[in-house]
């Protein structure tokens, strides 16, 4: 194979008859570029590949990424809900749940009469902070899940993508009506948004020994970058993976781990109470004239603004 340029991905092996052109490394892109075309090429042609720009082996297929995130041979996990969160098991305290609901209500009504507002700056950024702020008087002195709950930026970005997915659709009124009337549908929408547009695109692991995956073998001691964004849109796992589908049956998000870390429940509570508060205070909520949400970012990704007309 031809020598790769600096920053190009280096496949484990190449066919003698087919020599695909080197792909740009993850950090060779700009924040504004859509990474999903690169993810598609990785899944199809390079399911295990070395990226010198970040010094890690990339996994992009859902089956490989999901297995890697559970594999005890791939250590140093950092997701809320991972094994390291085991000591934090338990439900979110009732006092903190009440703080989330109250903060959502206050933030929504603060912007409800505006001609235009930015949900990222004026809602998503403050709601996770409000949950932490409630610890002082009514919630336990040490909040649930310690460091996991303190990951405010992840929850802010996840909320921004969630609201963008709910509002950005041609059947907007019908979608809002369904979310209001069907029990559990907001939770399904939250999980679907995490699958389609995860706030964290890359989760890092380290191989304690050699690990075999579909594209080859990860060397012992290697850093492994699990591409959450690529896995969530794998067509071998999800039907019409680019579609935000409230009724999806083939669900599966990888932003949060499978454990019962309270930070996972807290994020879902913020999404549910936040959306209910917005719809309650602004039943005609829609995008500002001429605005469409655009996500940016390479390692983390979400819309940086969500301009809306609260009064329709």
Foldseek 3Di string as FASTA:
>chain_A
DDDDDPQWKAAPDDDPVDDDHTDGHLVVDFQQDDCQVVLVCCVVPGQWIAGVVVQAIEHFAQVQLVCLQQDPQWDDFDFAQGPVLVVLFDAFDPQLLVQLLVLLQVLQLVCLPPQKDWCLVRPLLCSLVSSVVSCPPDNPVQGGSHPLSVPSVQLSQLLQLLVQQQFPDPPNLVSLVCLVPPPPLLVLSSQLSLLQAHQFQWIKTFRCAWDADPRGIDHHGGIYIYGQNSNSQRCVQAPNSNDRDSPGPSTDHDNHHPHNRNSVVVSSSSSSSNSVSLCVSQVPKHADPPDHFRWTGRRGIHGPTGMIRSND
